[in-house]
Amino acid sequence: MSDSVSGPGSGPLSGPAETGWRRLSPRMLLVHPVQEVVRAAPALLGLLVAGTSSGGKGHLWSAAGVGLTVLFGMLRWFTTTYRISPEQVQVRRGLLNRKVLTVPRDRVRTVDVTSHVLHRVLGLARVEVGTGTSDRRHDSRLKLDALSADEAARLRVELLHRSPAAQSPGAQAPITQSPAASPVPPVAETELARMRPGWVRFGPFTMSGLVTVGVVGGFVSRLVSEGNIDLDRVGPVRETWRWFSAMSLALEIATVLLALMVFVGVASTLGYVLAYGNFRLSRHAEGTLHVTRGLLTRRATTIEERRLRGVEIDEPLLLRAVRGARLSAVTTGLRSKEGGQRGGSTLLPPAPRAEAVAVAGLVLSHTPGATGGPSPVTGPDTGPLTGPDTGPLTSPLTVPLIPHGPAALRRRFTRAFGVHAPILLALLLLWVLGEPPLWPWLTAAALLPVTALLAADRYRSLGHALISGYLVTRWGSLVRRRVVLRCDGVIGWTVERSFFQRRAGLATLTATTAAGAQSYQVRDVDLAEALRLAAAGTPGLLDPFLEPAGSASQ
């Protein structure tokens, strides 16, 4: 038997060896065996088939496999303990290979509390503590599955809603003993947003149902293949195929597209309701944002506002067509490509764009360090950004963005047609040589206006501003993104210039941060404007480089 300790800053376990360790809820013994059996269902089915074909005792092999799986699921309760000390959160698990995962409490970034249907029936919840570690080789997240719902709520408050005295250096907090002795303290909160029935209309435009189409198609294909099912012998399928085959080609294509659109729309709407039903965003007086959502599987996420570095408003093409958008947080310790996919950074589901902008304003208005910063930055040779008859604009969410000029416009069209034109010429050449039919070339030629529209839309999406201590950048067409990033969260700037950008006098300015996607770009901006943005965003950082650069340009 071996012991190992992992986690940032981990070392020898502090305190008495067996002081303050707690176990998961005994009710998890009714959850984990079921989860393990469901997870091992394909292997158990294989045992059943293999045993039946070899000697007619497949049910015995399958029963033995189920028994071992249930036993494995029950062992987790006996081998998992955890404790909360004033400085650390520790989880100990394993039987033959004992592991202790230790994370300093000041590294806790988020706390997720999830309750699946079976958890809710038994009054349980799964707690996942997120840290700022970005090492992909090791999973540093602390997972406790499952605790009682009251203990999960108390643990979330204990880890994130700490008093200022407890957060000060050298402060000593008592080690929490039994859950019963530590009731969940009342937390003052302000509601920022709540799910409205009218938001369901945005569900079909999320296109999440496309995943359902792939899953259902793969399942049906696997079922037909493994079960040796002859679809020609299934009456409804045979009659439907006969009716479909009697149509013309154009009508067949239209029917398939219509059926696909209806199925994807219904599946997307159902997924939207299940994922975001009962959505609620609130701010707690202790300086955290609390998000709860989910109809069947409920999830609660808590984010410390002091780790918030900005917000991102996403507008996918279809959602933008109905004036919808979604809002997510740019926060340290929660990468957008990971947390965003799991919904951990979501501050508002697909909703009216005006609602997303309003909620983003409420979130940023109380962010520590949100006020002050550099003065509004403008485009070349212009004064402060102003609106018509309104004076200076101070909101980074509504400020008009500075366009990137004719050179960026030409670059959008050059890159778009630089891909489309060679494909079109290749198809034409193949048709002249007599290889493929004419319709692929005609289709590619008909899509030229679409390519032009996408290029123009990509240019309209480009823009930037620097105002009230925030860098604002926008880009994208199929998914238009507007990121509002605090300048004091920027830890570095990168100016990149490709061969074609140098010829056009353009550059791509990248703001590096420890939050969200960890880098945000101002694309195809004039070189002088890129240097001006970086110098104003972090005053003094580029002073040693700006003067030589200016001399070189002269």
Protein backbone atom coordinates (compact mmCIF):
# COMPACT_ATOMS: atom_id res chain seq x y z
CA MET A 1 0.00 0.00 0.00
CA SER A 2 1.37 3.42 -0.92
CA ASP A 3 0.45 6.99 -0.04
CA SER A 4 0.81 9.93 -2.38
CA VAL A 5 0.02 13.59 -1.96
CA SER A 6 -0.75 15.83 -4.92
CA GLY A 7 -1.93 19.33 -5.51
CA PRO A 8 -0.34 22.77 -5.80
CA GLY A 9 1.84 23.57 -2.89
CA SER A 10 1.22 20.23 -1.28
CA GLY A 11 3.52 18.77 1.29
CA PRO A 12 3.27 16.75 4.45
CA LEU A 13 -0.23 16.72 5.84
CA SER A 14 -0.57 19.28 8.58
CA GLY A 15 -2.15 18.60 11.93
CA PRO A 16 -2.87 15.29 13.59
CA ALA A 17 -2.98 12.39 11.20
CA GLU A 18 -6.61 11.45 11.79
CA THR A 19 -8.19 14.72 12.95
CA GLY A 20 -11.29 16.13 11.26
CA TRP A 21 -11.64 13.55 8.48
CA ARG A 22 -15.23 13.13 7.25
CA ARG A 23 -16.90 10.54 5.08
CA LEU A 24 -19.31 10.93 2.21
CA SER A 25 -23.00 10.42 2.88
CA PRO A 26 -23.95 6.74 3.45
CA ARG A 27 -26.81 7.28 1.01
CA MET A 28 -24.25 7.31 -1.79
CA LEU A 29 -24.25 3.51 -1.46
CA LEU A 30 -27.55 3.67 -3.34
CA VAL A 31 -26.09 5.90 -6.07
CA HIS A 32 -22.61 4.67 -6.99
CA PRO A 33 -23.52 1.00 -7.57
CA VAL A 34 -26.25 2.11 -10.00
CA GLN A 35 -23.85 4.48 -11.77
CA GLU A 36 -21.18 1.80 -12.08
CA VAL A 37 -23.68 -0.75 -13.47
CA VAL A 38 -24.90 1.75 -16.07
CA ARG A 39 -21.31 2.64 -16.99
CA ALA A 40 -20.38 -1.05 -17.33
CA ALA A 41 -23.55 -2.02 -19.20
CA PRO A 42 -21.80 -2.70 -22.57
CA ALA A 43 -19.24 -4.99 -20.89
CA LEU A 44 -21.94 -6.80 -18.91
CA LEU A 45 -23.97 -7.31 -22.09
CA GLY A 46 -20.86 -8.73 -23.75
CA LEU A 47 -20.42 -11.20 -20.86
CA LEU A 48 -24.03 -12.28 -21.27
CA VAL A 49 -23.68 -12.85 -25.01
CA ALA A 50 -20.29 -14.58 -24.70
CA GLY A 51 -21.50 -16.89 -21.89
CA THR A 52 -24.68 -17.83 -23.73
CA SER A 53 -22.84 -18.69 -26.94
CA SER A 54 -20.22 -20.77 -25.11
CA GLY A 55 -22.35 -22.89 -22.80
CA GLY A 56 -25.68 -21.40 -21.97
CA LYS A 57 -24.49 -19.88 -18.64
CA GLY A 58 -24.41 -16.30 -19.78
CA HIS A 59 -26.77 -15.22 -17.02
CA LEU A 60 -24.32 -16.48 -14.38
CA TRP A 61 -21.41 -14.57 -15.89
CA SER A 62 -23.54 -11.47 -16.18
CA ALA A 63 -24.76 -11.80 -12.57
CA ALA A 64 -21.15 -12.19 -11.37
CA GLY A 65 -20.15 -9.09 -13.34
CA VAL A 66 -23.02 -7.09 -11.85
CA GLY A 67 -22.02 -8.23 -8.35
CA LEU A 68 -18.40 -7.17 -8.82
CA THR A 69 -19.49 -3.84 -10.29
CA VAL A 70 -21.79 -3.14 -7.34
CA LEU A 71 -19.01 -4.08 -4.91
CA PHE A 72 -16.62 -1.72 -6.69
CA GLY A 73 -19.17 1.08 -6.42
CA MET A 74 -19.64 0.47 -2.68
CA LEU A 75 -15.90 0.49 -1.98
CA ARG A 76 -15.73 4.19 -2.83
CA TRP A 77 -17.62 5.08 0.35
CA PHE A 78 -15.23 3.06 2.53
CA THR A 79 -12.08 4.44 0.89
CA THR A 80 -12.96 8.16 0.47
CA THR A 81 -12.63 10.78 3.22
CA TYR A 82 -12.07 14.52 3.22
CA ARG A 83 -11.37 17.36 5.61
CA ILE A 84 -11.23 21.15 5.65
CA SER A 85 -8.42 22.78 7.60
CA PRO A 86 -7.75 26.52 7.97
CA GLU A 87 -5.21 26.36 5.14
CA GLN A 88 -6.09 23.33 3.00
CA VAL A 89 -8.78 21.18 1.47
CA GLN A 90 -7.81 17.50 1.44
CA VAL A 91 -9.42 14.46 -0.16
CA ARG A 92 -8.11 10.96 0.58
CA ARG A 93 -9.17 8.03 -1.58
CA GLY A 94 -7.97 4.65 -2.78
CA LEU A 95 -7.59 1.18 -1.23
CA LEU A 96 -4.38 -0.41 -2.51
CA ASN A 97 -2.95 2.86 -3.84
CA ARG A 98 -3.89 5.52 -1.28
CA LYS A 99 -3.86 9.08 -2.66
CA VAL A 100 -4.32 12.38 -0.85
CA LEU A 101 -5.17 15.40 -3.00
CA THR A 102 -4.34 18.63 -1.19
CA VAL A 103 -5.28 22.13 -2.39
CA PRO A 104 -4.61 25.38 -0.49
CA ARG A 105 -7.86 27.15 0.31
CA ASP A 106 -6.64 30.37 -1.29
CA ARG A 107 -6.41 28.48 -4.60
CA VAL A 108 -10.14 27.67 -4.64
CA ARG A 109 -11.69 29.47 -7.63
CA THR A 110 -15.15 27.97 -8.10
CA VAL A 111 -17.44 25.52 -6.34
CA ASP A 112 -19.98 23.54 -8.40
CA VAL A 113 -22.85 21.72 -6.72
CA THR A 114 -24.63 19.27 -9.06
CA SER A 115 -27.66 17.09 -8.33
CA HIS A 116 -28.78 14.50 -10.88
CA VAL A 117 -32.23 12.99 -10.70
CA LEU A 118 -31.14 10.08 -8.49
CA HIS A 119 -29.19 12.47 -6.27
CA ARG A 120 -32.25 14.68 -5.81
CA VAL A 121 -34.47 11.74 -4.93
CA LEU A 122 -32.05 10.77 -2.15
CA GLY A 123 -31.29 14.33 -1.03
CA LEU A 124 -27.68 14.24 -2.24
CA ALA A 125 -25.38 16.47 -4.27
CA ARG A 126 -21.97 16.26 -5.94
CA VAL A 127 -19.44 18.97 -5.07
CA GLU A 128 -16.61 19.90 -7.43
CA VAL A 129 -14.00 22.40 -6.26
CA GLY A 130 -12.18 24.17 -9.09
CA THR A 131 -8.66 25.56 -8.70
CA GLY A 132 -6.50 27.79 -10.84
CA THR A 133 -4.21 24.96 -11.98
CA SER A 134 -4.10 24.68 -15.80
CA ASP A 135 -1.89 21.58 -15.99
CA ARG A 136 -3.69 19.22 -18.38
CA ARG A 137 -1.65 16.21 -17.29
CA HIS A 138 -3.20 16.11 -13.82
CA ASP A 139 -6.79 16.70 -12.78
CA SER A 140 -6.50 18.98 -9.75
CA ARG A 141 -10.25 19.35 -9.25
CA LEU A 142 -11.59 18.05 -5.96
CA LYS A 143 -14.71 15.93 -6.46
CA LEU A 144 -16.93 14.75 -3.62
CA ASP A 145 -19.73 12.49 -4.83
CA ALA A 146 -21.94 12.43 -2.93
CA LEU A 147 -22.70 14.61 0.10
CA SER A 148 -26.04 15.42 1.63
CA ALA A 149 -27.64 18.49 0.06
CA ASP A 150 -27.29 20.48 3.31
CA GLU A 151 -23.63 19.51 3.73
CA ALA A 152 -22.91 20.46 0.08
CA ALA A 153 -24.48 23.88 0.58
CA ARG A 154 -22.60 24.38 3.84
CA LEU A 155 -19.32 23.36 2.20
CA ARG A 156 -19.83 25.83 -0.65
CA VAL A 157 -20.40 28.65 1.84
CA GLU A 158 -17.41 27.55 3.92
CA LEU A 159 -15.00 27.55 0.97
CA LEU A 160 -16.04 30.77 -0.75
CA HIS A 161 -18.03 32.94 1.65
CA ARG A 162 -15.25 33.53 4.10
CA SER A 163 -15.07 36.61 6.24
CA PRO A 164 -12.38 39.22 5.54
CA ALA A 165 -10.65 38.21 8.77
CA ALA A 166 -10.42 34.64 7.59
CA GLN A 167 -8.96 35.77 4.29
CA SER A 168 -6.26 37.96 5.80
CA PRO A 169 -2.72 36.57 6.02
CA GLY A 170 -2.01 34.72 9.22
CA ALA A 171 -5.66 34.41 10.20
CA GLN A 172 -6.57 31.20 11.95
CA ALA A 173 -9.99 29.70 11.31
CA PRO A 174 -11.26 26.80 13.36
CA ILE A 175 -11.34 23.38 11.76
CA THR A 176 -14.91 22.51 10.95
CA GLN A 177 -16.13 19.50 12.84
CA SER A 178 -19.35 17.67 12.19
CA PRO A 179 -21.81 19.00 9.57
CA ALA A 180 -24.61 19.05 12.12
CA ALA A 181 -22.64 21.49 14.28
CA SER A 182 -22.21 23.90 11.34
CA PRO A 183 -25.56 24.95 9.89
CA VAL A 184 -25.61 26.88 6.64
CA PRO A 185 -25.41 30.58 7.58
CA PRO A 186 -27.87 32.96 5.94
CA VAL A 187 -26.29 34.78 3.02
CA ALA A 188 -27.56 38.15 1.83
CA GLU A 189 -28.01 38.13 -1.93
CA THR A 190 -29.30 40.26 -4.77
CA GLU A 191 -30.97 38.66 -7.77
CA LEU A 192 -29.49 39.79 -11.08
CA ALA A 193 -31.40 37.59 -13.56
CA ARG A 194 -33.96 34.83 -13.64
CA MET A 195 -35.20 32.52 -16.40
CA ARG A 196 -38.27 33.84 -18.20
CA PRO A 197 -40.72 31.67 -20.16
CA GLY A 198 -40.28 33.86 -23.26
CA TRP A 199 -36.61 32.90 -23.50
CA VAL A 200 -37.56 29.41 -24.66
CA ARG A 201 -38.06 30.85 -28.15
CA PHE A 202 -34.27 31.08 -28.45
CA GLY A 203 -33.89 27.31 -27.89
CA PRO A 204 -34.34 26.24 -31.55
CA PHE A 205 -31.64 28.70 -32.64
CA THR A 206 -28.94 27.22 -30.40
CA MET A 207 -28.64 24.20 -32.78
CA SER A 208 -27.66 21.95 -29.88
CA GLY A 209 -30.08 19.38 -31.32
CA LEU A 210 -27.51 18.53 -34.01
CA VAL A 211 -25.66 16.52 -31.37
CA THR A 212 -28.87 14.63 -30.66
CA VAL A 213 -29.22 13.82 -34.37
CA GLY A 214 -25.74 12.30 -34.38
CA VAL A 215 -26.34 10.31 -31.19
CA VAL A 216 -29.70 8.96 -32.35
CA GLY A 217 -28.35 8.13 -35.80
CA GLY A 218 -25.36 6.30 -34.34
CA PHE A 219 -27.54 4.36 -31.89
CA VAL A 220 -30.01 3.26 -34.57
CA SER A 221 -27.18 2.27 -36.92
CA ARG A 222 -25.47 0.25 -34.18
CA LEU A 223 -28.75 -1.39 -33.19
CA VAL A 224 -29.52 -2.41 -36.77
CA SER A 225 -25.99 -3.72 -37.30
CA GLU A 226 -25.64 -5.66 -34.04
CA GLY A 227 -29.18 -7.03 -34.13
CA ASN A 228 -29.05 -8.06 -37.82
CA ILE A 229 -32.32 -6.22 -38.39
CA ASP A 230 -33.60 -6.13 -41.97
CA LEU A 231 -35.35 -2.78 -42.33
CA ASP A 232 -37.13 -3.98 -45.48
CA ARG A 233 -39.17 -6.33 -43.29
CA VAL A 234 -40.34 -3.53 -40.96
CA GLY A 235 -43.69 -2.41 -42.33
CA PRO A 236 -43.69 1.30 -41.36
CA VAL A 237 -40.09 1.73 -42.53
CA ARG A 238 -40.81 -0.04 -45.84
CA GLU A 239 -43.92 2.06 -46.51
CA THR A 240 -42.16 5.30 -45.61
CA TRP A 241 -39.26 4.49 -47.93
CA ARG A 242 -41.68 3.63 -50.75
CA TRP A 243 -43.50 6.94 -50.28
CA PHE A 244 -40.20 8.85 -50.14
CA SER A 245 -38.79 7.13 -53.25
CA ALA A 246 -41.79 8.18 -55.32
CA MET A 247 -40.84 11.87 -54.97
CA SER A 248 -38.71 13.90 -57.33
CA LEU A 249 -35.10 14.68 -56.35
CA ALA A 250 -35.88 18.30 -55.45
CA LEU A 251 -38.84 17.25 -53.30
CA GLU A 252 -36.76 14.56 -51.58
CA ILE A 253 -34.09 17.10 -50.64
CA ALA A 254 -36.72 19.54 -49.39
CA THR A 255 -38.42 16.82 -47.32
CA VAL A 256 -35.16 15.71 -45.70
CA LEU A 257 -34.19 19.28 -44.88
CA LEU A 258 -37.63 20.05 -43.44
CA ALA A 259 -37.65 16.90 -41.30
CA LEU A 260 -34.11 17.64 -40.10
CA MET A 261 -35.00 21.23 -39.22
CA VAL A 262 -38.07 20.16 -37.26
CA PHE A 263 -36.20 17.43 -35.37
CA VAL A 264 -33.21 19.67 -34.57
CA GLY A 265 -35.52 22.51 -33.50
CA VAL A 266 -37.53 20.31 -31.16
CA ALA A 267 -34.41 18.63 -29.74
CA SER A 268 -32.67 21.98 -29.26
CA THR A 269 -35.67 23.44 -27.46
CA LEU A 270 -35.97 20.41 -25.20
CA GLY A 271 -32.24 20.56 -24.41
CA TYR A 272 -32.50 24.29 -23.67
CA VAL A 273 -35.35 23.74 -21.20
CA LEU A 274 -33.61 20.84 -19.47
CA ALA A 275 -30.26 22.65 -19.22
CA TYR A 276 -31.45 26.13 -18.25
CA GLY A 277 -34.79 25.56 -16.55
CA ASN A 278 -34.98 27.35 -13.18
CA PHE A 279 -31.98 29.51 -14.14
CA ARG A 280 -31.09 32.17 -11.60
CA LEU A 281 -28.10 34.51 -11.22
CA SER A 282 -27.54 36.30 -7.91
CA ARG A 283 -24.82 38.28 -6.17
CA HIS A 284 -23.94 37.47 -2.56
CA ALA A 285 -22.84 40.12 -0.11
CA GLU A 286 -19.61 38.21 0.54
CA GLY A 287 -18.44 39.01 -3.00
CA THR A 288 -19.53 36.00 -5.08
CA LEU A 289 -21.79 35.34 -8.04
CA HIS A 290 -24.08 32.34 -7.68
CA VAL A 291 -25.62 30.60 -10.72
CA THR A 292 -28.24 27.85 -10.42
CA ARG A 293 -29.81 26.08 -13.40
CA GLY A 294 -31.23 22.78 -14.61
CA LEU A 295 -34.66 21.19 -14.69
CA LEU A 296 -33.85 17.52 -14.04
CA THR A 297 -30.15 17.80 -13.20
CA ARG A 298 -29.65 20.87 -11.05
CA ARG A 299 -26.30 22.63 -10.99
CA ALA A 300 -25.10 25.47 -8.79
CA THR A 301 -21.87 27.34 -9.52
CA THR A 302 -20.25 29.96 -7.31
CA ILE A 303 -17.59 32.35 -8.66
CA GLU A 304 -15.62 34.85 -6.60
CA GLU A 305 -16.01 38.33 -8.02
CA ARG A 306 -12.45 39.27 -7.10
CA ARG A 307 -11.31 36.71 -9.69
CA LEU A 308 -13.59 38.10 -12.41
CA ARG A 309 -11.62 39.84 -15.17
CA GLY A 310 -14.44 40.62 -17.58
CA VAL A 311 -17.35 39.21 -19.56
CA GLU A 312 -17.93 37.79 -23.03
CA ILE A 313 -21.10 38.21 -25.10
CA ASP A 314 -21.49 35.54 -27.80
CA GLU A 315 -23.89 35.88 -30.74
CA PRO A 316 -24.00 32.80 -33.00
CA LEU A 317 -25.32 33.59 -36.47
CA LEU A 318 -28.79 32.06 -36.02
CA LEU A 319 -29.14 33.47 -32.50
CA ARG A 320 -28.05 36.89 -33.74
CA ALA A 321 -30.75 36.77 -36.42
CA VAL A 322 -33.42 36.75 -33.68
CA ARG A 323 -31.55 39.35 -31.57
CA GLY A 324 -30.34 36.83 -29.03
CA ALA A 325 -27.03 36.40 -27.20
CA ARG A 326 -25.46 34.53 -24.31
CA LEU A 327 -23.21 35.83 -21.56
CA SER A 328 -20.23 34.14 -19.91
CA ALA A 329 -17.65 35.15 -17.33
CA VAL A 330 -13.96 35.73 -17.99
CA THR A 331 -12.50 34.61 -14.68
CA THR A 332 -9.23 33.20 -13.43
CA GLY A 333 -9.13 29.49 -12.71
CA LEU A 334 -11.92 28.72 -15.19
CA ARG A 335 -10.76 28.26 -18.76
CA SER A 336 -13.43 29.03 -21.36
CA LYS A 337 -12.63 25.98 -23.51
CA GLU A 338 -13.20 23.68 -20.53
CA GLY A 339 -15.58 25.45 -18.19
CA GLY A 340 -17.42 27.03 -21.01
CA GLN A 341 -18.25 23.65 -22.60
CA ARG A 342 -19.50 22.35 -19.29
CA GLY A 343 -21.45 25.54 -18.67
CA GLY A 344 -19.33 26.51 -15.68
CA SER A 345 -18.70 30.08 -16.90
CA THR A 346 -22.28 30.77 -18.06
CA LEU A 347 -23.78 33.94 -16.57
CA LEU A 348 -26.84 34.03 -18.82
CA PRO A 349 -28.24 31.41 -21.22
CA PRO A 350 -29.35 32.36 -24.76
CA ALA A 351 -31.67 35.30 -24.11
CA PRO A 352 -32.51 38.70 -25.64
CA ARG A 353 -29.33 40.60 -26.41
CA ALA A 354 -30.54 43.62 -24.48
CA GLU A 355 -30.94 41.41 -21.42
CA ALA A 356 -27.40 40.05 -21.84
CA VAL A 357 -25.98 43.58 -22.05
CA ALA A 358 -27.97 44.68 -18.98
CA VAL A 359 -26.85 41.69 -16.90
CA ALA A 360 -23.24 42.19 -18.00
CA GLY A 361 -23.46 45.78 -16.78
CA LEU A 362 -24.75 44.64 -13.40
CA VAL A 363 -21.95 42.09 -13.11
CA LEU A 364 -19.20 44.56 -14.02
CA SER A 365 -20.57 47.38 -11.88
CA HIS A 366 -19.60 45.58 -8.66
CA THR A 367 -16.42 43.90 -9.87
CA PRO A 368 -13.51 44.86 -7.59
CA GLY A 369 -11.17 47.26 -9.37
CA ALA A 370 -13.73 47.96 -12.10
CA THR A 371 -13.57 51.72 -11.77
CA GLY A 372 -10.73 53.96 -12.71
CA GLY A 373 -7.99 52.84 -15.04
CA PRO A 374 -6.77 54.57 -18.15
CA SER A 375 -8.76 57.31 -19.77
CA PRO A 376 -10.88 56.56 -22.82
CA VAL A 377 -8.74 55.68 -25.83
CA THR A 378 -9.83 56.65 -29.28
CA GLY A 379 -8.94 56.02 -32.85
CA PRO A 380 -6.08 57.79 -34.60
CA ASP A 381 -6.30 61.57 -34.50
CA THR A 382 -9.72 61.63 -32.81
CA GLY A 383 -11.00 62.88 -29.50
CA PRO A 384 -12.73 60.92 -26.76
CA LEU A 385 -15.47 58.57 -27.90
CA THR A 386 -18.81 60.35 -27.66
CA GLY A 387 -22.38 59.66 -28.60
CA PRO A 388 -24.67 62.12 -30.39
CA ASP A 389 -25.49 64.96 -27.99
CA THR A 390 -24.75 62.79 -24.97
CA GLY A 391 -21.15 63.58 -24.11
CA PRO A 392 -18.51 60.96 -23.29
CA LEU A 393 -19.62 57.34 -23.20
CA THR A 394 -18.33 55.39 -20.21
CA SER A 395 -19.97 51.97 -20.61
CA PRO A 396 -17.68 49.39 -22.25
CA LEU A 397 -20.77 47.37 -23.20
CA THR A 398 -22.46 50.02 -25.32
CA VAL A 399 -19.55 52.18 -26.46
CA PRO A 400 -19.28 52.44 -30.28
CA LEU A 401 -16.29 50.46 -31.45
CA ILE A 402 -13.53 51.86 -33.62
CA PRO A 403 -13.60 50.26 -37.12
CA HIS A 404 -10.41 48.78 -38.55
CA GLY A 405 -10.30 50.62 -41.86
CA PRO A 406 -10.15 49.73 -45.59
CA ALA A 407 -7.05 47.55 -45.27
CA ALA A 408 -8.84 45.21 -42.89
CA LEU A 409 -11.84 45.14 -45.25
CA ARG A 410 -9.65 44.13 -48.19
CA ARG A 411 -8.00 41.46 -46.07
CA ARG A 412 -11.40 39.95 -45.15
CA PHE A 413 -12.35 39.60 -48.84
CA THR A 414 -8.88 38.42 -49.87
CA ARG A 415 -8.88 35.63 -47.32
CA ALA A 416 -12.45 34.58 -48.13
CA PHE A 417 -12.02 34.41 -51.89
CA GLY A 418 -8.50 33.06 -51.50
CA VAL A 419 -10.09 29.83 -50.30
CA HIS A 420 -13.22 29.83 -52.48
CA ALA A 421 -11.63 30.74 -55.81
CA PRO A 422 -9.13 27.81 -56.00
CA ILE A 423 -11.90 25.34 -55.19
CA LEU A 424 -14.07 26.85 -57.91
CA LEU A 425 -11.26 26.72 -60.49
CA ALA A 426 -10.41 23.11 -59.57
CA LEU A 427 -14.02 21.99 -60.01
CA LEU A 428 -14.23 23.81 -63.35
CA LEU A 429 -11.00 22.18 -64.54
CA LEU A 430 -12.22 18.73 -63.53
CA TRP A 431 -15.50 19.30 -65.37
CA VAL A 432 -13.63 20.41 -68.51
CA LEU A 433 -11.59 17.22 -68.33
CA GLY A 434 -14.82 15.25 -68.14
CA GLU A 435 -14.41 13.84 -64.63
CA PRO A 436 -17.28 15.01 -62.33
CA PRO A 437 -20.74 16.31 -63.31
CA LEU A 438 -21.41 20.01 -63.77
CA TRP A 439 -23.55 20.58 -60.66
CA PRO A 440 -20.66 20.76 -58.11
CA TRP A 441 -19.13 23.64 -60.06
CA LEU A 442 -22.51 25.38 -60.40
CA THR A 443 -23.07 24.99 -56.65
CA ALA A 444 -19.65 26.45 -55.85
CA ALA A 445 -20.28 29.35 -58.23
CA ALA A 446 -23.70 30.01 -56.67
CA LEU A 447 -22.06 30.25 -53.24
CA LEU A 448 -19.82 33.16 -54.28
CA PRO A 449 -22.36 35.77 -53.03
CA VAL A 450 -22.55 33.90 -49.71
CA THR A 451 -18.77 34.09 -49.39
CA ALA A 452 -18.90 37.82 -50.09
CA LEU A 453 -21.62 38.34 -47.47
CA LEU A 454 -19.62 36.42 -44.86
CA ALA A 455 -16.52 38.48 -45.61
CA ALA A 456 -18.48 41.72 -45.29
CA ASP A 457 -20.07 40.53 -42.05
CA ARG A 458 -16.67 39.57 -40.62
CA TYR A 459 -15.46 43.10 -41.32
CA ARG A 460 -18.54 44.67 -39.72
CA SER A 461 -17.85 42.58 -36.61
CA LEU A 462 -14.31 43.93 -36.25
CA GLY A 463 -13.91 46.71 -33.72
CA HIS A 464 -12.21 47.73 -30.52
CA ALA A 465 -12.16 50.36 -27.80
CA LEU A 466 -10.36 51.10 -24.55
CA ILE A 467 -12.50 52.91 -22.03
CA SER A 468 -12.94 53.19 -18.26
CA GLY A 469 -10.18 50.69 -17.59
CA TYR A 470 -11.55 48.02 -19.98
CA LEU A 471 -10.31 46.67 -23.30
CA VAL A 472 -13.22 45.95 -25.62
CA THR A 473 -12.67 43.78 -28.69
CA ARG A 474 -15.13 42.20 -31.12
CA TRP A 475 -14.68 39.73 -33.97
CA GLY A 476 -16.32 36.77 -35.75
CA SER A 477 -19.21 36.12 -38.11
CA LEU A 478 -20.60 32.62 -37.60
CA VAL A 479 -20.12 33.36 -33.90
CA ARG A 480 -19.69 37.05 -33.15
CA ARG A 481 -17.90 37.64 -29.84
CA ARG A 482 -17.55 40.84 -27.85
CA VAL A 483 -15.10 40.60 -24.93
CA VAL A 484 -14.87 43.24 -22.22
CA LEU A 485 -11.58 42.68 -20.37
CA ARG A 486 -10.25 44.61 -17.40
CA CYS A 487 -6.90 46.21 -18.21
CA ASP A 488 -5.52 45.42 -14.76
CA GLY A 489 -6.09 41.74 -15.61
CA VAL A 490 -3.77 41.95 -18.65
CA ILE A 491 -0.34 40.53 -17.88
CA GLY A 492 1.25 41.06 -21.29
CA TRP A 493 0.76 42.21 -24.88
CA THR A 494 1.85 40.53 -28.11
CA VAL A 495 1.98 42.25 -31.51
CA GLU A 496 2.00 39.77 -34.42
CA ARG A 497 2.41 40.62 -38.11
CA SER A 498 2.29 38.10 -40.92
CA PHE A 499 3.85 38.77 -44.32
CA PHE A 500 0.53 39.97 -45.78
CA GLN A 501 -0.27 42.04 -42.69
CA ARG A 502 3.06 43.84 -42.99
CA ARG A 503 2.32 44.70 -46.62
CA ALA A 504 -1.07 46.09 -45.57
CA GLY A 505 0.29 47.97 -42.54
CA LEU A 506 -1.79 45.86 -40.13
CA ALA A 507 -1.09 43.87 -36.99
CA THR A 508 -2.87 41.58 -34.52
CA LEU A 509 -2.67 42.72 -30.91
CA THR A 510 -3.11 39.97 -28.31
CA ALA A 511 -3.87 40.72 -24.67
CA THR A 512 -2.62 37.91 -22.42
CA THR A 513 -4.44 37.23 -19.16
CA ALA A 514 -4.75 34.44 -16.62
CA ALA A 515 -8.53 34.31 -17.08
CA GLY A 516 -10.90 32.73 -19.58
CA ALA A 517 -9.29 31.81 -22.90
CA GLN A 518 -6.05 33.39 -21.57
CA SER A 519 -5.58 35.51 -24.70
CA TYR A 520 -7.89 37.90 -26.54
CA GLN A 521 -7.07 39.48 -29.89
CA VAL A 522 -7.65 42.78 -31.61
CA ARG A 523 -7.37 41.52 -35.17
CA ASP A 524 -6.09 43.33 -38.26
CA VAL A 525 -5.74 46.74 -36.64
CA ASP A 526 -3.42 49.49 -37.83
CA LEU A 527 0.06 49.00 -36.34
CA ALA A 528 0.17 52.48 -34.79
CA GLU A 529 -3.24 51.90 -33.21
CA ALA A 530 -2.14 48.52 -31.84
CA LEU A 531 0.87 50.12 -30.12
CA ARG A 532 -1.33 52.95 -28.84
CA LEU A 533 -3.79 50.45 -27.33
CA ALA A 534 -1.07 48.46 -25.58
CA ALA A 535 0.64 51.59 -24.24
CA ALA A 536 -2.61 53.07 -22.90
CA GLY A 537 -3.91 49.77 -21.55
CA THR A 538 -0.79 49.19 -19.44
CA PRO A 539 0.89 52.58 -19.01
CA GLY A 540 4.67 52.44 -18.99
CA LEU A 541 4.98 48.83 -20.09
CA LEU A 542 5.89 49.57 -23.71
CA ASP A 543 7.79 52.82 -23.17
CA PRO A 544 11.22 51.18 -23.75
CA PHE A 545 9.99 49.78 -27.09
CA LEU A 546 7.80 52.51 -28.60
CA GLU A 547 10.53 55.05 -29.28
CA PRO A 548 12.86 52.64 -31.15
CA ALA A 549 9.89 51.32 -33.09
CA GLY A 550 8.93 54.85 -34.12
CA SER A 551 12.47 55.62 -35.16
CA ALA A 552 12.64 52.46 -37.25
CA SER A 553 9.44 53.33 -39.05
CA GLN A 554 10.84 56.72 -39.98
